Amino acid sequence: MVTVAYDQHFEDVIKKIKNEDLKEKIKKQIRKIVGDPEVGKPMRYIRKDTREVRIQPYRLSYIYLKNQDKIVFLELYHKDKQ
C-alpha cells in the first residue's frame, strides 16, 4: 500500500480553493495517482524526479519515492505561473 503525504504549501493552497468543482477534480486526480503513482508526466531539469498531472488550467506536482513506496504531493500551481 502506498503511503501519502502532503507538503505544507500544498495543503495551504488547497484550503484557499473555494470552487467545489475544482476541489472534486483534484480529489479525483489524487485517487488516480494513488492507484498508479507513475501516471504523471516525468519532469526534467530542475524538477527532475517529480511528476505532474494536468487539472485544467492547473498542474499538480508530486514525487513518488519508489524505495519507500510513498507519494508526496508538492504543489498545485497555475500553468502560466511556472
Protein backbone atom coordinates (compact mmCIF):
# COMPACT_ATOMS: atom_id res chain seq x y z
CA MET A 1 0.00 0.00 0.00
CA VAL A 2 1.27 3.43 -0.93
CA THR A 3 1.79 6.00 1.82
CA VAL A 4 0.54 9.51 1.01
CA ALA A 5 1.95 12.75 2.43
CA TYR A 6 1.21 16.40 1.69
CA ASP A 7 3.66 19.30 1.68
CA GLN A 8 2.56 22.20 3.91
CA HIS A 9 2.47 24.60 0.95
CA PHE A 10 0.21 22.18 -0.94
CA GLU A 11 -2.21 21.99 1.99
CA ASP A 12 -2.32 25.80 2.26
CA VAL A 13 -3.17 26.18 -1.44
CA ILE A 14 -5.91 23.54 -1.26
CA LYS A 15 -7.53 25.22 1.75
CA LYS A 16 -7.83 28.51 -0.17
CA ILE A 17 -9.76 26.98 -3.09
CA LYS A 18 -13.44 27.92 -2.99
CA ASN A 19 -14.60 26.22 -6.20
CA GLU A 20 -16.15 22.85 -5.28
CA ASP A 21 -15.90 21.52 -8.86
CA LEU A 22 -12.17 22.17 -8.89
CA LYS A 23 -11.76 20.51 -5.48
CA GLU A 24 -13.55 17.43 -6.78
CA LYS A 25 -11.29 17.31 -9.85
CA ILE A 26 -8.24 17.50 -7.57
CA LYS A 27 -9.56 14.67 -5.38
CA LYS A 28 -10.21 12.56 -8.46
CA GLN A 29 -6.65 13.08 -9.72
CA ILE A 30 -5.20 12.29 -6.28
CA ARG A 31 -7.13 9.00 -6.23
CA LYS A 32 -5.87 8.23 -9.73
CA ILE A 33 -2.25 8.92 -8.67
CA VAL A 34 -2.56 6.76 -5.55
CA GLY A 35 -3.86 3.93 -7.74
CA ASP A 36 -0.98 4.25 -10.22
CA PRO A 37 1.85 6.51 -8.94
CA GLU A 38 3.63 6.59 -12.30
CA VAL A 39 0.65 8.04 -14.18
CA GLY A 40 2.02 11.61 -14.18
CA LYS A 41 4.39 13.12 -16.70
CA PRO A 42 8.02 12.82 -15.53
CA MET A 43 9.64 16.24 -15.27
CA ARG A 44 13.17 17.24 -16.30
CA TYR A 45 15.93 19.66 -15.36
CA ILE A 46 15.24 21.46 -12.06
CA ARG A 47 12.11 19.41 -11.41
CA LYS A 48 13.84 16.08 -12.04
CA ASP A 49 12.38 13.10 -10.13
CA THR A 50 8.98 14.81 -9.80
CA ARG A 51 5.85 14.16 -11.82
CA GLU A 52 2.87 16.26 -12.88
CA VAL A 53 -0.74 15.75 -13.86
CA ARG A 54 -2.99 18.34 -15.50
CA ILE A 55 -6.07 19.74 -13.85
CA GLN A 56 -7.04 22.39 -16.36
CA PRO A 57 -5.58 25.15 -16.05
CA TYR A 58 -3.52 23.93 -13.07
CA ARG A 59 -0.73 21.41 -12.59
CA LEU A 60 -0.49 19.03 -9.65
CA SER A 61 3.14 18.28 -8.84
CA TYR A 62 4.19 15.25 -6.80
CA ILE A 63 7.13 12.98 -6.14
CA TYR A 64 6.95 9.19 -5.99
CA LEU A 65 9.58 7.59 -3.77
CA LYS A 66 9.63 4.02 -5.08
CA ASN A 67 12.01 2.60 -2.47
CA GLN A 68 9.79 3.91 0.37
CA ASP A 69 6.52 3.30 -1.54
CA LYS A 70 5.48 6.87 -0.71
CA ILE A 71 3.84 9.73 -2.64
CA VAL A 72 4.38 13.33 -1.54
CA PHE A 73 2.12 15.95 -3.11
CA LEU A 74 4.24 19.07 -3.52
CA GLU A 75 2.35 21.83 -5.26
CA LEU A 76 -0.74 22.91 -7.15
CA TYR A 77 0.04 25.85 -9.40
CA HIS A 78 -1.37 27.71 -12.37
CA LYS A 79 0.22 26.76 -15.66
CA ASP A 80 1.03 30.37 -16.57
CA LYS A 81 3.00 30.84 -13.32
CA GLN A 82 5.52 28.02 -13.76
